[in-house]
Amino acid sequence: MKSEKDLFLGVIKIAVLIILACLLLTACLTKAEKASNEGIRKSQKGLYGEAIEEFNRSIELDPNNPRPYRGRGYVYAELAMYKEAIADYTKSLGLDPNFSNAFFNRGDIYREMGKYELAITDYTRAIELNSTDPNYFHNRGLLFGEMGRIEESIKDLREACRLGNEDSCIALKQAMEKKKNNSK
């Protein structure tokens, strides 16, 4: 039977191992965050290849962090690499299903690809998660207009205008004029 001293030493060893594991994990997360931040900085400068490398490094260090997938998805979209961008936004949403901007950005890509119903679905989900961002209503409203769904377009553009998007106010006037001309 083990003595109390042996049990105490065993508990101390386990505690030290736990502390070391936590310190290592924190160091890895810090490196991952630094790489992700560097990826954002490089993408803002238009250094897309270098940005992708930084996001890749961040993902290697912490594959369960949705942030570098979103950053890399943005870069892929800027490079018109839409399949890769959608894959990264989808991965990001799998890790953080409540991040409205990832739905919004993926919706923009679907719209660019002509996949309008998927874009509407993503814009709608973004609005469900954050109904105070006028850009979500604005883009969905414009897309409804492109699809000939004028009533829905007017409704969304009106809301985006109410929330402060000036471009939506202009687009709303145009949509209402189009509706008026179509009813003649």
Protein backbone atom coordinates (compact mmCIF):
# COMPACT_ATOMS: atom_id res chain seq x y z
CA MET A 1 0.00 0.00 0.00
CA LYS A 2 1.29 3.46 -0.87
CA SER A 3 2.12 5.89 1.85
CA GLU A 4 0.54 9.31 2.11
CA LYS A 5 3.83 10.81 0.98
CA ASP A 6 3.81 8.69 -2.21
CA LEU A 7 0.21 9.68 -2.95
CA PHE A 8 1.02 13.34 -2.36
CA LEU A 9 4.03 13.14 -4.72
CA GLY A 10 1.85 11.44 -7.34
CA VAL A 11 -0.72 14.23 -7.14
CA ILE A 12 2.04 16.84 -7.41
CA LYS A 13 3.46 15.14 -10.52
CA ILE A 14 0.03 15.08 -12.16
CA ALA A 15 -0.53 18.75 -11.30
CA VAL A 16 2.84 19.70 -12.81
CA LEU A 17 2.04 17.76 -15.99
CA ILE A 18 -1.33 19.50 -16.28
CA ILE A 19 0.29 22.91 -15.82
CA LEU A 20 2.94 22.13 -18.45
CA ALA A 21 0.27 20.93 -20.89
CA CYS A 22 -1.71 24.12 -20.36
CA LEU A 23 1.38 26.27 -20.92
CA LEU A 24 2.22 24.44 -24.13
CA LEU A 25 -1.35 24.73 -25.37
CA THR A 26 -1.39 28.45 -24.62
CA ALA A 27 1.89 28.92 -26.47
CA CYS A 28 0.50 27.09 -29.52
CA LEU A 29 -2.70 29.12 -29.48
CA THR A 30 -0.70 32.31 -29.21
CA LYS A 31 1.41 31.32 -32.21
CA ALA A 32 -1.75 30.39 -34.09
CA GLU A 33 -3.35 33.74 -33.33
CA LYS A 34 -0.18 35.59 -34.32
CA ALA A 35 -0.11 33.75 -37.65
CA SER A 36 -3.79 34.49 -38.24
CA ASN A 37 -3.28 38.18 -37.43
CA GLU A 38 -0.30 38.28 -39.78
CA GLY A 39 -2.46 36.68 -42.48
CA ILE A 40 -5.01 39.45 -42.05
CA ARG A 41 -2.31 42.14 -42.29
CA LYS A 42 -0.84 40.60 -45.43
CA SER A 43 -4.26 40.24 -47.06
CA GLN A 44 -4.99 43.91 -46.35
CA LYS A 45 -1.78 44.77 -48.22
CA GLY A 46 -2.79 42.57 -51.16
CA LEU A 47 -0.07 40.02 -50.43
CA TYR A 48 -2.45 37.15 -50.94
CA GLY A 49 0.06 34.33 -51.37
CA GLU A 50 1.83 35.28 -48.16
CA ALA A 51 -1.51 35.69 -46.39
CA ILE A 52 -2.55 32.16 -47.38
CA GLU A 53 0.74 30.84 -45.98
CA GLU A 54 0.08 32.58 -42.65
CA PHE A 55 -3.48 31.27 -42.47
CA ASN A 56 -2.20 27.77 -43.31
CA ARG A 57 0.33 28.03 -40.48
CA SER A 58 -2.39 29.16 -38.08
CA ILE A 59 -4.62 26.26 -39.11
CA GLU A 60 -1.76 23.78 -38.60
CA LEU A 61 -1.23 25.11 -35.06
CA ASP A 62 -4.92 25.26 -34.14
CA PRO A 63 -7.19 23.47 -36.63
CA ASN A 64 -10.27 24.07 -34.46
CA ASN A 65 -10.10 27.86 -34.65
CA PRO A 66 -12.62 29.19 -37.20
CA ARG A 67 -10.86 32.55 -37.63
CA PRO A 68 -8.04 31.54 -40.02
CA TYR A 69 -10.50 29.63 -42.21
CA ARG A 70 -12.55 32.83 -42.55
CA GLY A 71 -9.42 34.83 -43.36
CA ARG A 72 -8.21 32.36 -45.93
CA GLY A 73 -11.74 32.17 -47.38
CA TYR A 74 -11.70 35.93 -47.85
CA VAL A 75 -8.34 35.74 -49.67
CA TYR A 76 -9.55 32.91 -51.90
CA ALA A 77 -12.64 34.97 -52.77
CA GLU A 78 -10.43 37.95 -53.67
CA LEU A 79 -8.48 35.62 -55.99
CA ALA A 80 -11.77 34.33 -57.52
CA MET A 81 -10.98 30.86 -56.15
CA TYR A 82 -14.62 30.40 -55.21
CA LYS A 83 -14.67 26.67 -54.49
CA GLU A 84 -11.80 27.05 -52.04
CA ALA A 85 -13.43 30.10 -50.46
CA ILE A 86 -16.73 28.29 -49.99
CA ALA A 87 -14.91 25.29 -48.48
CA ASP A 88 -13.14 27.54 -45.96
CA TYR A 89 -16.28 29.47 -45.01
CA THR A 90 -18.15 26.19 -44.64
CA LYS A 91 -15.39 24.81 -42.40
CA SER A 92 -15.44 28.01 -40.36
CA LEU A 93 -19.21 27.73 -39.93
CA GLY A 94 -18.82 24.11 -38.85
CA LEU A 95 -16.59 25.36 -36.04
CA ASP A 96 -18.65 28.49 -35.24
CA PRO A 97 -22.19 28.19 -36.64
CA ASN A 98 -23.27 31.54 -35.18
CA PHE A 99 -20.82 33.81 -37.00
CA SER A 100 -23.14 35.86 -39.19
CA ASN A 101 -20.42 37.44 -41.31
CA ALA A 102 -19.22 34.04 -42.56
CA PHE A 103 -22.75 33.36 -43.86
CA PHE A 104 -22.80 36.82 -45.43
CA ASN A 105 -19.43 36.36 -47.14
CA ARG A 106 -20.32 32.89 -48.39
CA GLY A 107 -23.59 34.35 -49.68
CA ASP A 108 -21.62 36.93 -51.65
CA ILE A 109 -19.57 34.16 -53.25
CA TYR A 110 -22.67 32.13 -54.13
CA ARG A 111 -24.15 35.28 -55.67
CA GLU A 112 -20.99 35.83 -57.71
CA MET A 113 -21.21 32.23 -58.91
CA GLY A 114 -24.86 32.66 -59.93
CA LYS A 115 -26.11 30.30 -57.21
CA TYR A 116 -28.81 32.70 -56.13
CA GLU A 117 -30.93 30.44 -53.93
CA LEU A 118 -27.87 29.40 -51.92
CA ALA A 119 -26.93 33.06 -51.60
CA ILE A 120 -30.43 33.95 -50.38
CA THR A 121 -30.23 31.12 -47.83
CA ASP A 122 -26.91 32.39 -46.49
CA TYR A 123 -27.98 36.04 -46.42
CA THR A 124 -31.15 35.01 -44.59
CA ARG A 125 -29.16 33.06 -42.01
CA ALA A 126 -26.84 36.04 -41.51
CA ILE A 127 -29.90 38.24 -40.90
CA GLU A 128 -31.34 35.70 -38.44
CA LEU A 129 -28.09 35.84 -36.48
CA ASN A 130 -27.65 39.62 -36.69
CA SER A 131 -30.62 41.68 -37.82
CA THR A 132 -28.87 45.00 -37.18
CA ASP A 133 -26.30 44.86 -39.98
CA PRO A 134 -27.72 46.83 -42.91
CA ASN A 135 -25.33 45.21 -45.39
CA TYR A 136 -27.01 41.85 -44.94
CA PHE A 137 -30.39 43.30 -45.93
CA HIS A 138 -28.80 45.40 -48.67
CA ASN A 139 -27.14 42.49 -50.47
CA ARG A 140 -30.17 40.24 -50.13
CA GLY A 141 -32.39 43.07 -51.36
CA LEU A 142 -30.20 43.67 -54.40
CA LEU A 143 -30.20 39.96 -55.18
CA PHE A 144 -33.97 39.76 -54.87
CA GLY A 145 -34.10 42.61 -57.38
CA GLU A 146 -31.77 40.77 -59.77
CA MET A 147 -34.06 37.77 -59.49
CA GLY A 148 -37.14 39.87 -60.32
CA ARG A 149 -38.56 39.50 -56.81
CA ILE A 150 -39.30 43.22 -56.50
CA GLU A 151 -41.55 43.16 -53.41
CA GLU A 152 -38.93 41.27 -51.39
CA SER A 153 -36.23 43.55 -52.76
CA ILE A 154 -38.12 46.66 -51.65
CA LYS A 155 -38.72 45.21 -48.18
CA ASP A 156 -35.03 44.42 -47.62
CA LEU A 157 -33.76 47.68 -49.13
CA ARG A 158 -36.21 49.62 -46.97
CA GLU A 159 -34.85 47.89 -43.86
CA ALA A 160 -31.23 48.44 -44.90
CA CYS A 161 -32.00 52.11 -45.52
CA ARG A 162 -33.69 52.36 -42.11
CA LEU A 163 -30.56 50.83 -40.55
CA GLY A 164 -28.41 53.51 -42.16
CA ASN A 165 -27.12 52.14 -45.46
CA GLU A 166 -27.27 55.13 -47.82
CA ASP A 167 -26.72 52.98 -50.92
CA SER A 168 -29.84 51.05 -49.96
CA CYS A 169 -31.86 54.26 -49.88
CA ILE A 170 -30.83 54.97 -53.47
CA ALA A 171 -31.47 51.37 -54.55
CA LEU A 172 -34.85 51.47 -52.79
CA LYS A 173 -35.95 54.46 -54.89
CA GLN A 174 -34.84 52.63 -58.04
CA ALA A 175 -36.69 49.45 -57.04
CA MET A 176 -39.87 51.40 -56.28
CA GLU A 177 -39.59 53.15 -59.64
CA LYS A 178 -39.15 49.78 -61.35
CA LYS A 179 -42.23 48.44 -59.56
CA LYS A 180 -44.20 51.51 -60.61
CA ASN A 181 -43.14 51.14 -64.24
CA ASN A 182 -43.94 47.41 -64.23
CA SER A 183 -47.48 48.08 -63.02
CA LYS A 184 -48.24 50.38 -65.96
